């Protein structure tokens, strides 16, 4: 019983730490253009006509693989969106894809 409890505790702590990490990565690498909430209501977001990640239409149109590719390799639609494959780990990129999926319109 104690081993199971310890495992549950360790997993919940890891999940909490992971959630904080992805938020920190978003703030450090993405927020300046995409905004805190993914709506891109920033100077750069408006100047570059960056998509609103909270839009149901955008969420439906973009697959996880497409989002991952843009984060990794940059955007063919917007040259200002640089590749992050050399700056972020694959795990961080996957976490960002999940984070972006939480940005549904409220």
PDB file of N, CA and C in Angstrom:
ATOM      1  N   UNK A   1       0.822  -1.202   0.000  1.00  0.00           N
ATOM      2  CA  UNK A   1       0.000   0.000   0.000  1.00  0.00           C
ATOM      3  C   UNK A   1       0.863   1.262   0.000  1.00  0.00           C
ATOM      4  N   UNK A   2       1.915   1.274   0.814  1.00  0.00           N
ATOM      5  CA  UNK A   2       2.791   2.453   0.877  1.00  0.00           C
ATOM      6  C   UNK A   2       3.499   2.694  -0.454  1.00  0.00           C
ATOM      7  N   UNK A   3       3.913   1.602  -1.111  1.00  0.00           N
ATOM      8  CA  UNK A   3       4.592   1.766  -2.403  1.00  0.00           C
ATOM      9  C   UNK A   3       3.650   2.405  -3.417  1.00  0.00           C
ATOM     10  N   UNK A   4       2.401   1.950  -3.422  1.00  0.00           N
ATOM     11  CA  UNK A   4       1.414   2.504  -4.355  1.00  0.00           C
ATOM     12  C   UNK A   4       1.185   3.992  -4.047  1.00  0.00           C
ATOM     13  N   UNK A   5       1.047   4.335  -2.775  1.00  0.00           N
ATOM     14  CA  UNK A   5       0.858   5.723  -2.381  1.00  0.00           C
ATOM     15  C   UNK A   5       2.058   6.575  -2.791  1.00  0.00           C
ATOM     16  N   UNK A   6       3.252   6.047  -2.573  1.00  0.00           N
ATOM     17  CA  UNK A   6       4.465   6.774  -2.958  1.00  0.00           C
ATOM     18  C   UNK A   6       4.500   6.999  -4.463  1.00  0.00           C
ATOM     19  N   UNK A   7       4.096   5.996  -5.238  1.00  0.00           N
ATOM     20  CA  UNK A   7       4.082   6.117  -6.696  1.00  0.00           C
ATOM     21  C   UNK A   7       3.081   7.177  -7.139  1.00  0.00           C
ATOM     22  N   UNK A   8       1.891   7.143  -6.559  1.00  0.00           N
ATOM     23  CA  UNK A   8       0.869   8.139  -6.895  1.00  0.00           C
ATOM     24  C   UNK A   8       1.374   9.543  -6.553  1.00  0.00           C
ATOM     25  N   UNK A   9       1.977   9.684  -5.391  1.00  0.00           N
ATOM     26  CA  UNK A   9       2.517  10.988  -4.979  1.00  0.00           C
ATOM     27  C   UNK A   9       3.594  11.457  -5.952  1.00  0.00           C
ATOM     28  N   UNK A  10       4.504  10.563  -6.315  1.00  0.00           N
ATOM     29  CA  UNK A  10       5.589  10.926  -7.230  1.00  0.00           C
ATOM     30  C   UNK A  10       5.034  11.335  -8.594  1.00  0.00           C
ATOM     31  N   UNK A  11       4.067  10.592  -9.101  1.00  0.00           N
ATOM     32  CA  UNK A  11       3.479  10.925 -10.395  1.00  0.00           C
ATOM     33  C   UNK A  11       2.737  12.254 -10.348  1.00  0.00           C
ATOM     34  N   UNK A  12       2.015  12.530  -9.285  1.00  0.00           N
ATOM     35  CA  UNK A  12       1.294  13.794  -9.204  1.00  0.00           C
ATOM     36  C   UNK A  12       2.263  14.969  -9.090  1.00  0.00           C
ATOM     37  N   UNK A  13       3.348  14.784  -8.371  1.00  0.00           N
ATOM     38  CA  UNK A  13       4.362  15.844  -8.287  1.00  0.00           C
ATOM     39  C   UNK A  13       5.012  16.071  -9.643  1.00  0.00           C
ATOM     40  N   UNK A  14       5.300  15.001 -10.363  1.00  0.00           N
ATOM     41  CA  UNK A  14       5.913  15.120 -11.690  1.00  0.00           C
ATOM     42  C   UNK A  14       4.967  15.859 -12.635  1.00  0.00           C
ATOM     43  N   UNK A  15       3.689  15.544 -12.569  1.00  0.00           N
ATOM     44  CA  UNK A  15       2.705  16.208 -13.423  1.00  0.00           C
ATOM     45  C   UNK A  15       2.629  17.698 -13.088  1.00  0.00           C
ATOM     46  N   UNK A  16       2.633  18.021 -11.815  1.00  0.00           N
ATOM     47  CA  UNK A  16       2.586  19.423 -11.401  1.00  0.00           C
ATOM     48  C   UNK A  16       3.828  20.162 -11.883  1.00  0.00           C
ATOM     49  N   UNK A  17       4.986  19.571 -11.695  1.00  0.00           N
ATOM     50  CA  UNK A  17       6.233  20.203 -12.141  1.00  0.00           C
ATOM     51  C   UNK A  17       6.217  20.382 -13.654  1.00  0.00           C
ATOM     52  N   UNK A  18       5.730  19.370 -14.362  1.00  0.00           N
ATOM     53  CA  UNK A  18       5.665  19.430 -15.821  1.00  0.00           C
ATOM     54  C   UNK A  18       4.746  20.573 -16.265  1.00  0.00           C
ATOM     55  N   UNK A  19       3.610  20.709 -15.609  1.00  0.00           N
ATOM     56  CA  UNK A  19       2.663  21.773 -15.971  1.00  0.00           C
ATOM     57  C   UNK A  19       3.294  23.146 -15.757  1.00  0.00           C
ATOM     58  N   UNK A  20       4.032  23.300 -14.677  1.00  0.00           N
ATOM     59  CA  UNK A  20       4.700  24.577 -14.430  1.00  0.00           C
ATOM     60  C   UNK A  20       5.771  24.823 -15.484  1.00  0.00           C
ATOM     61  N   UNK A  21       6.489  23.782 -15.852  1.00  0.00           N
ATOM     62  CA  UNK A  21       7.549  23.923 -16.855  1.00  0.00           C
ATOM     63  C   UNK A  21       6.996  24.402 -18.188  1.00  0.00           C
ATOM     64  N   UNK A  22       5.903  23.810 -18.659  1.00  0.00           N
ATOM     65  CA  UNK A  22       5.355  24.195 -19.959  1.00  0.00           C
ATOM     66  C   UNK A  22       4.850  25.636 -19.916  1.00  0.00           C
ATOM     67  N   UNK A  23       4.297  26.052 -18.796  1.00  0.00           N
ATOM     68  CA  UNK A  23       3.879  27.447 -18.650  1.00  0.00           C
ATOM     69  C   UNK A  23       5.070  28.388 -18.705  1.00  0.00           C
ATOM     70  N   UNK A  24       6.167  27.967 -18.084  1.00  0.00           N
ATOM     71  CA  UNK A  24       7.399  28.771 -18.119  1.00  0.00           C
ATOM     72  C   UNK A  24       7.962  28.845 -19.536  1.00  0.00           C
ATOM     73  N   UNK A  25       7.926  27.719 -20.248  1.00  0.00           N
ATOM     74  CA  UNK A  25       8.416  27.698 -21.638  1.00  0.00           C
ATOM     75  C   UNK A  25       7.542  28.622 -22.490  1.00  0.00           C
ATOM     76  N   UNK A  26       6.223  28.537 -22.306  1.00  0.00           N
ATOM     77  CA  UNK A  26       5.308  29.407 -23.061  1.00  0.00           C
ATOM     78  C   UNK A  26       5.645  30.875 -22.806  1.00  0.00           C
ATOM     79  N   UNK A  27       5.809  31.241 -21.540  1.00  0.00           N
ATOM     80  CA  UNK A  27       6.110  32.634 -21.196  1.00  0.00           C
ATOM     81  C   UNK A  27       7.431  33.080 -21.788  1.00  0.00           C
ATOM     82  N   UNK A  28       8.426  32.202 -21.780  1.00  0.00           N
ATOM     83  CA  UNK A  28       9.761  32.560 -22.260  1.00  0.00           C
ATOM     84  C   UNK A  28       9.862  32.598 -23.782  1.00  0.00           C
ATOM     85  N   UNK A  29       9.189  31.697 -24.462  1.00  0.00           N
ATOM     86  CA  UNK A  29       9.399  31.538 -25.903  1.00  0.00           C
ATOM     87  C   UNK A  29       8.226  31.965 -26.788  1.00  0.00           C
ATOM     88  N   UNK A  30       7.015  31.972 -26.256  1.00  0.00           N
ATOM     89  CA  UNK A  30       5.836  32.119 -27.115  1.00  0.00           C
ATOM     90  C   UNK A  30       4.974  33.345 -26.813  1.00  0.00           C
ATOM     91  N   UNK A  31       4.907  33.700 -25.545  1.00  0.00           N
ATOM     92  CA  UNK A  31       3.972  34.728 -25.076  1.00  0.00           C
ATOM     93  C   UNK A  31       4.153  36.081 -25.765  1.00  0.00           C
ATOM     94  N   UNK A  32       5.380  36.470 -26.074  1.00  0.00           N
ATOM     95  CA  UNK A  32       5.592  37.808 -26.634  1.00  0.00           C
ATOM     96  C   UNK A  32       4.862  38.010 -27.967  1.00  0.00           C
ATOM     97  N   UNK A  33       4.678  36.947 -28.722  1.00  0.00           N
ATOM     98  CA  UNK A  33       3.931  37.056 -29.990  1.00  0.00           C
ATOM     99  C   UNK A  33       2.506  36.523 -29.867  1.00  0.00           C
ATOM    100  N   UNK A  34       2.366  35.370 -29.196  1.00  0.00           N
ATOM    101  CA  UNK A  34       1.065  34.693 -29.145  1.00  0.00           C
ATOM    102  C   UNK A  34       0.200  35.129 -27.976  1.00  0.00           C
ATOM    103  N   UNK A  35       0.773  35.873 -27.035  1.00  0.00           N
ATOM    104  CA  UNK A  35       0.018  36.342 -25.879  1.00  0.00           C
ATOM    105  C   UNK A  35      -0.113  35.277 -24.807  1.00  0.00           C
ATOM    106  N   UNK A  36      -0.469  35.719 -23.628  1.00  0.00           N
ATOM    107  CA  UNK A  36      -0.645  34.815 -22.477  1.00  0.00           C
ATOM    108  C   UNK A  36      -1.681  33.739 -22.768  1.00  0.00           C
ATOM    109  N   UNK A  37      -2.757  34.127 -23.478  1.00  0.00           N
ATOM    110  CA  UNK A  37      -3.901  33.243 -23.705  1.00  0.00           C
ATOM    111  C   UNK A  37      -3.956  32.646 -25.111  1.00  0.00           C
ATOM    112  N   UNK A  38      -2.931  32.893 -25.933  1.00  0.00           N
ATOM    113  CA  UNK A  38      -2.902  32.336 -27.280  1.00  0.00           C
ATOM    114  C   UNK A  38      -3.736  33.087 -28.293  1.00  0.00           C
ATOM    115  N   UNK A  39      -4.317  34.208 -27.898  1.00  0.00           N
ATOM    116  CA  UNK A  39      -5.183  34.973 -28.807  1.00  0.00           C
ATOM    117  C   UNK A  39      -4.395  35.890 -29.739  1.00  0.00           C
ATOM    118  N   UNK A  40      -3.092  36.024 -29.503  1.00  0.00           N
ATOM    119  CA  UNK A  40      -2.195  36.837 -30.337  1.00  0.00           C
ATOM    120  C   UNK A  40      -2.581  38.313 -30.371  1.00  0.00           C
ATOM    121  N   UNK A  41      -3.133  38.804 -29.274  1.00  0.00           N
ATOM    122  CA  UNK A  41      -3.481  40.228 -29.189  1.00  0.00           C
ATOM    123  C   UNK A  41      -2.287  41.005 -28.633  1.00  0.00           C
ATOM    124  N   UNK A  42      -1.143  40.804 -29.268  1.00  0.00           N
ATOM    125  CA  UNK A  42       0.096  41.489 -28.914  1.00  0.00           C
ATOM    126  C   UNK A  42       0.474  42.368 -30.102  1.00  0.00           C
ATOM    127  N   UNK A  43       1.438  43.253 -29.917  1.00  0.00           N
ATOM    128  CA  UNK A  43       1.880  44.090 -31.048  1.00  0.00           C
ATOM    129  C   UNK A  43       2.332  43.209 -32.207  1.00  0.00           C
ATOM    130  N   UNK A  44       3.187  42.225 -31.914  1.00  0.00           N
ATOM    131  CA  UNK A  44       3.684  41.339 -32.972  1.00  0.00           C
ATOM    132  C   UNK A  44       2.555  40.469 -33.524  1.00  0.00           C
ATOM    133  N   UNK A  45       1.693  39.998 -32.659  1.00  0.00           N
ATOM    134  CA  UNK A  45       0.577  39.162 -33.106  1.00  0.00           C
ATOM    135  C   UNK A  45      -0.321  39.889 -34.087  1.00  0.00           C
ATOM    136  N   UNK A  46      -0.607  41.148 -33.804  1.00  0.00           N
ATOM    137  CA  UNK A  46      -1.462  41.925 -34.695  1.00  0.00           C
ATOM    138  C   UNK A  46      -0.717  42.337 -35.955  1.00  0.00           C
ATOM    139  N   UNK A  47       0.551  42.720 -35.808  1.00  0.00           N
ATOM    140  CA  UNK A  47       1.349  43.117 -36.965  1.00  0.00           C
ATOM    141  C   UNK A  47       1.502  41.972 -37.968  1.00  0.00           C
ATOM    142  N   UNK A  48       1.686  40.771 -37.432  1.00  0.00           N
ATOM    143  CA  UNK A  48       1.925  39.599 -38.284  1.00  0.00           C
ATOM    144  C   UNK A  48       0.669  38.784 -38.577  1.00  0.00           C
ATOM    145  N   UNK A  49      -0.486  39.253 -38.110  1.00  0.00           N
ATOM    146  CA  UNK A  49      -1.756  38.530 -38.295  1.00  0.00           C
ATOM    147  C   UNK A  49      -1.652  37.075 -37.832  1.00  0.00           C
ATOM    148  N   UNK A  50      -1.116  36.895 -36.630  1.00  0.00           N
ATOM    149  CA  UNK A  50      -0.941  35.556 -36.067  1.00  0.00           C
ATOM    150  C   UNK A  50      -2.308  34.998 -35.675  1.00  0.00           C
ATOM    151  N   UNK A  51      -2.490  33.704 -35.932  1.00  0.00           N
ATOM    152  CA  UNK A  51      -3.757  33.037 -35.627  1.00  0.00           C
ATOM    153  C   UNK A  51      -4.072  33.052 -34.130  1.00  0.00           C
ATOM    154  N   UNK A  52      -5.351  33.075 -33.820  1.00  0.00           N
ATOM    155  CA  UNK A  52      -5.863  32.984 -32.454  1.00  0.00           C
ATOM    156  C   UNK A  52      -6.011  31.505 -32.114  1.00  0.00           C
ATOM    157  N   UNK A  53      -5.141  30.994 -31.225  1.00  0.00           N
ATOM    158  CA  UNK A  53      -5.167  29.580 -30.858  1.00  0.00           C
ATOM    159  C   UNK A  53      -6.434  29.189 -30.106  1.00  0.00           C
ATOM    160  N   UNK A  54      -7.164  30.159 -29.563  1.00  0.00           N
ATOM    161  CA  UNK A  54      -8.377  29.835 -28.814  1.00  0.00           C
ATOM    162  C   UNK A  54      -9.592  29.675 -29.736  1.00  0.00           C
ATOM    163  N   UNK A  55      -9.448  30.015 -30.993  1.00  0.00           N
ATOM    164  CA  UNK A  55     -10.546  29.911 -31.941  1.00  0.00           C
ATOM    165  C   UNK A  55     -10.907  28.437 -32.195  1.00  0.00           C
ATOM    166  N   UNK A  56     -12.176  28.080 -32.026  1.00  0.00           N
ATOM    167  CA  UNK A  56     -12.585  26.699 -32.302  1.00  0.00           C
ATOM    168  C   UNK A  56     -12.233  26.268 -33.728  1.00  0.00           C
ATOM    169  N   UNK A  57     -12.364  27.163 -34.682  1.00  0.00           N
ATOM    170  CA  UNK A  57     -12.041  26.829 -36.073  1.00  0.00           C
ATOM    171  C   UNK A  57     -10.554  26.503 -36.214  1.00  0.00           C
ATOM    172  N   UNK A  58      -9.686  27.287 -35.565  1.00  0.00           N
ATOM    173  CA  UNK A  58      -8.243  27.027 -35.631  1.00  0.00           C
ATOM    174  C   UNK A  58      -7.925  25.702 -34.946  1.00  0.00           C
ATOM    175  N   UNK A  59      -8.496  25.492 -33.757  1.00  0.00           N
ATOM    176  CA  UNK A  59      -8.240  24.255 -33.015  1.00  0.00           C
ATOM    177  C   UNK A  59      -8.646  23.026 -33.837  1.00  0.00           C
ATOM    178  N   UNK A  60      -9.748  23.140 -34.562  1.00  0.00           N
ATOM    179  CA  UNK A  60     -10.241  22.015 -35.374  1.00  0.00           C
ATOM    180  C   UNK A  60      -9.384  21.813 -36.631  1.00  0.00           C
ATOM    181  N   UNK A  61      -8.920  22.911 -37.212  1.00  0.00           N
ATOM    182  CA  UNK A  61      -8.188  22.837 -38.482  1.00  0.00           C
ATOM    183  C   UNK A  61      -6.757  22.325 -38.325  1.00  0.00           C
ATOM    184  N   UNK A  62      -6.152  22.549 -37.171  1.00  0.00           N
ATOM    185  CA  UNK A  62      -4.737  22.201 -36.982  1.00  0.00           C
ATOM    186  C   UNK A  62      -4.594  20.892 -36.217  1.00  0.00           C
ATOM    187  N   UNK A  63      -3.838  19.967 -36.783  1.00  0.00           N
ATOM    188  CA  UNK A  63      -3.579  18.701 -36.082  1.00  0.00           C
ATOM    189  C   UNK A  63      -2.413  18.889 -35.114  1.00  0.00           C
ATOM    190  N   UNK A  64      -2.311  17.982 -34.163  1.00  0.00           N
ATOM    191  CA  UNK A  64      -1.177  18.027 -33.238  1.00  0.00           C
ATOM    192  C   UNK A  64       0.137  17.954 -34.012  1.00  0.00           C
ATOM    193  N   UNK A  65       0.184  17.112 -35.032  1.00  0.00           N
ATOM    194  CA  UNK A  65       1.402  16.963 -35.835  1.00  0.00           C
ATOM    195  C   UNK A  65       1.763  18.272 -36.541  1.00  0.00           C
ATOM    196  N   UNK A  66       0.754  18.996 -37.039  1.00  0.00           N
ATOM    197  CA  UNK A  66       1.015  20.276 -37.707  1.00  0.00           C
ATOM    198  C   UNK A  66       1.533  21.317 -36.710  1.00  0.00           C
ATOM    199  N   UNK A  67       0.940  21.350 -35.531  1.00  0.00           N
ATOM    200  CA  UNK A  67       1.394  22.297 -34.503  1.00  0.00           C
ATOM    201  C   UNK A  67       2.832  21.968 -34.116  1.00  0.00           C
ATOM    202  N   UNK A  68       3.103  20.692 -33.890  1.00  0.00           N
ATOM    203  CA  UNK A  68       4.446  20.242 -33.513  1.00  0.00           C
ATOM    204  C   UNK A  68       5.460  20.634 -34.596  1.00  0.00           C
ATOM    205  N   UNK A  69       5.087  20.465 -35.848  1.00  0.00           N
ATOM    206  CA  UNK A  69       5.989  20.788 -36.964  1.00  0.00           C
ATOM    207  C   UNK A  69       6.314  22.281 -37.013  1.00  0.00           C
ATOM    208  N   UNK A  70       5.319  23.134 -36.799  1.00  0.00           N
ATOM    209  CA  UNK A  70       5.558  24.582 -36.824  1.00  0.00           C
ATOM    210  C   UNK A  70       6.461  24.994 -35.664  1.00  0.00           C
ATOM    211  N   UNK A  71       6.219  24.429 -34.487  1.00  0.00           N
ATOM    212  CA  UNK A  71       7.084  24.748 -33.348  1.00  0.00           C
ATOM    213  C   UNK A  71       8.517  24.271 -33.643  1.00  0.00           C
ATOM    214  N   UNK A  72       8.642  23.084 -34.167  1.00  0.00           N
ATOM    215  CA  UNK A  72       9.966  22.504 -34.435  1.00  0.00           C
ATOM    216  C   UNK A  72      10.704  23.200 -35.572  1.00  0.00           C
ATOM    217  N   UNK A  73      10.001  23.394 -36.689  1.00  0.00           N
ATOM    218  CA  UNK A  73      10.656  23.819 -37.930  1.00  0.00           C
ATOM    219  C   UNK A  73      10.378  25.252 -38.350  1.00  0.00           C
ATOM    220  N   UNK A  74       9.494  25.935 -37.628  1.00  0.00           N
ATOM    221  CA  UNK A  74       9.113  27.284 -38.031  1.00  0.00           C
ATOM    222  C   UNK A  74       7.911  27.234 -38.956  1.00  0.00           C
ATOM    223  N   UNK A  75       7.414  28.398 -39.307  1.00  0.00           N
ATOM    224  CA  UNK A  75       6.202  28.483 -40.121  1.00  0.00           C
ATOM    225  C   UNK A  75       6.522  28.889 -41.551  1.00  0.00           C
ATOM    226  N   UNK A  76       5.928  28.174 -42.492  1.00  0.00           N
ATOM    227  CA  UNK A  76       6.073  28.565 -43.899  1.00  0.00           C
ATOM    228  C   UNK A  76       5.184  29.768 -44.211  1.00  0.00           C
ATOM    229  N   UNK A  77       4.157  30.007 -43.381  1.00  0.00           N
ATOM    230  CA  UNK A  77       3.243  31.132 -43.582  1.00  0.00           C
ATOM    231  C   UNK A  77       3.786  32.433 -43.009  1.00  0.00           C
ATOM    232  N   UNK A  78       4.673  32.319 -42.015  1.00  0.00           N
ATOM    233  CA  UNK A  78       5.196  33.508 -41.342  1.00  0.00           C
ATOM    234  C   UNK A  78       6.654  33.268 -40.974  1.00  0.00           C
ATOM    235  N   UNK A  79       7.544  33.902 -41.699  1.00  0.00           N
ATOM    236  CA  UNK A  79       8.991  33.705 -41.504  1.00  0.00           C
ATOM    237  C   UNK A  79       9.475  34.189 -40.137  1.00  0.00           C
ATOM    238  N   UNK A  80       8.688  35.022 -39.457  1.00  0.00           N
ATOM    239  CA  UNK A  80       9.090  35.483 -38.121  1.00  0.00           C
ATOM    240  C   UNK A  80       8.986  34.350 -37.098  1.00  0.00           C
ATOM    241  N   UNK A  81       8.161  33.327 -37.394  1.00  0.00           N
ATOM    242  CA  UNK A  81       8.044  32.160 -36.511  1.00  0.00           C
ATOM    243  C   UNK A  81       9.217  31.242 -36.812  1.00  0.00           C
ATOM    244  N   UNK A  82      10.227  31.345 -35.959  1.00  0.00           N
ATOM    245  CA  UNK A  82      11.465  30.586 -36.136  1.00  0.00           C
ATOM    246  C   UNK A  82      11.325  29.159 -35.622  1.00  0.00           C
ATOM    247  N   UNK A  83      12.228  28.309 -36.061  1.00  0.00           N
ATOM    248  CA  UNK A  83      12.276  26.919 -35.599  1.00  0.00           C
ATOM    249  C   UNK A  83      12.793  26.866 -34.160  1.00  0.00           C
ATOM    250  N   UNK A  84      12.198  25.993 -33.374  1.00  0.00           N
ATOM    251  CA  UNK A  84      12.618  25.824 -31.986  1.00  0.00           C
ATOM    252  C   UNK A  84      13.231  24.450 -31.730  1.00  0.00           C
ATOM    253  N   UNK A  85      13.439  23.656 -32.797  1.00  0.00           N
ATOM    254  CA  UNK A  85      13.951  22.298 -32.590  1.00  0.00           C
ATOM    255  C   UNK A  85      15.337  22.280 -31.950  1.00  0.00           C
ATOM    256  N   UNK A  86      16.113  23.347 -32.102  1.00  0.00           N
ATOM    257  CA  UNK A  86      17.431  23.402 -31.481  1.00  0.00           C
ATOM    258  C   UNK A  86      17.413  24.100 -30.118  1.00  0.00           C
ATOM    259  N   UNK A  87      16.255  24.649 -29.738  1.00  0.00           N
ATOM    260  CA  UNK A  87      16.148  25.380 -28.470  1.00  0.00           C
ATOM    261  C   UNK A  87      15.302  24.649 -27.438  1.00  0.00           C
ATOM    262  N   UNK A  88      14.425  23.767 -27.907  1.00  0.00           N
ATOM    263  CA  UNK A  88      13.526  23.027 -27.022  1.00  0.00           C
ATOM    264  C   UNK A  88      13.697  21.528 -27.241  1.00  0.00           C
ATOM    265  N   UNK A  89      13.474  20.758 -26.186  1.00  0.00           N
ATOM    266  CA  UNK A  89      13.525  19.302 -26.309  1.00  0.00           C
ATOM    267  C   UNK A  89      12.234  18.814 -26.968  1.00  0.00           C
ATOM    268  N   UNK A  90      12.258  17.607 -27.523  1.00  0.00           N
ATOM    269  CA  UNK A  90      11.009  17.047 -28.070  1.00  0.00           C
ATOM    270  C   UNK A  90       9.900  16.988 -27.014  1.00  0.00           C
ATOM    271  N   UNK A  91      10.263  16.720 -25.758  1.00  0.00           N
ATOM    272  CA  UNK A  91       9.282  16.677 -24.682  1.00  0.00           C
ATOM    273  C   UNK A  91       8.671  18.051 -24.437  1.00  0.00           C
ATOM    274  N   UNK A  92       9.493  19.094 -24.502  1.00  0.00           N
ATOM    275  CA  UNK A  92       8.971  20.456 -24.326  1.00  0.00           C
ATOM    276  C   UNK A  92       8.041  20.830 -25.476  1.00  0.00           C
ATOM    277  N   UNK A  93       8.403  20.433 -26.678  1.00  0.00           N
ATOM    278  CA  UNK A  93       7.561  20.725 -27.847  1.00  0.00           C
ATOM    279  C   UNK A  93       6.224  19.998 -27.715  1.00  0.00           C
ATOM    280  N   UNK A  94       6.256  18.716 -27.317  1.00  0.00           N
ATOM    281  CA  UNK A  94       5.011  17.968 -27.105  1.00  0.00           C
ATOM    282  C   UNK A  94       4.163  18.628 -26.025  1.00  0.00           C
ATOM    283  N   UNK A  95       4.813  19.087 -24.953  1.00  0.00           N
ATOM    284  CA  UNK A  95       4.091  19.753 -23.863  1.00  0.00           C
ATOM    285  C   UNK A  95       3.439  21.040 -24.373  1.00  0.00           C
ATOM    286  N   UNK A  96       4.130  21.775 -25.240  1.00  0.00           N
ATOM    287  CA  UNK A  96       3.550  23.001 -25.802  1.00  0.00           C
ATOM    288  C   UNK A  96       2.331  22.690 -26.667  1.00  0.00           C
ATOM    289  N   UNK A  97       2.383  21.604 -27.423  1.00  0.00           N
ATOM    290  CA  UNK A  97       1.220  21.205 -28.231  1.00  0.00           C
ATOM    291  C   UNK A  97       0.026  20.986 -27.303  1.00  0.00           C
ATOM    292  N   UNK A  98       0.241  20.256 -26.216  1.00  0.00           N
ATOM    293  CA  UNK A  98      -0.824  20.029 -25.240  1.00  0.00           C
ATOM    294  C   UNK A  98      -1.309  21.325 -24.613  1.00  0.00           C
ATOM    295  N   UNK A  99      -0.382  22.213 -24.319  1.00  0.00           N
ATOM    296  CA  UNK A  99      -0.708  23.512 -23.717  1.00  0.00           C
ATOM    297  C   UNK A  99      -1.582  24.331 -24.669  1.00  0.00           C
ATOM    298  N   UNK A 100      -1.206  24.342 -25.930  1.00  0.00           N
ATOM    299  CA  UNK A 100      -1.977  25.077 -26.946  1.00  0.00           C
ATOM    300  C   UNK A 100      -3.390  24.504 -27.051  1.00  0.00           C
ATOM    301  N   UNK A 101      -3.530  23.198 -26.907  1.00  0.00           N
ATOM    302  CA  UNK A 101      -4.847  22.561 -26.963  1.00  0.00           C
ATOM    303  C   UNK A 101      -5.753  22.991 -25.803  1.00  0.00           C
ATOM    304  N   UNK A 102      -5.182  23.515 -24.726  1.00  0.00           N
ATOM    305  CA  UNK A 102      -6.014  23.976 -23.600  1.00  0.00           C
ATOM    306  C   UNK A 102      -6.552  25.384 -23.841  1.00  0.00           C
ATOM    307  N   UNK A 103      -6.137  26.025 -24.907  1.00  0.00           N
ATOM    308  CA  UNK A 103      -6.497  27.429 -25.169  1.00  0.00           C
ATOM    309  C   UNK A 103      -7.784  27.547 -25.962  1.00  0.00           C
ATOM    310  N   UNK A 104      -8.796  26.857 -25.538  1.00  0.00           N
ATOM    311  CA  UNK A 104     -10.089  26.927 -26.219  1.00  0.00           C
ATOM    312  C   UNK A 104     -10.839  28.172 -25.760  1.00  0.00           C
ATOM    313  N   UNK A 105     -11.609  28.740 -26.647  1.00  0.00           N
ATOM    314  CA  UNK A 105     -12.370  29.968 -26.345  1.00  0.00           C
ATOM    315  C   UNK A 105     -13.242  29.771 -25.118  1.00  0.00           C
ATOM    316  N   UNK A 106     -13.268  30.792 -24.293  1.00  0.00           N
ATOM    317  CA  UNK A 106     -14.066  30.726 -23.053  1.00  0.00           C
ATOM    318  C   UNK A 106     -15.155  31.754 -23.082  1.00  0.00           C
TER     319      UNK A 106
END
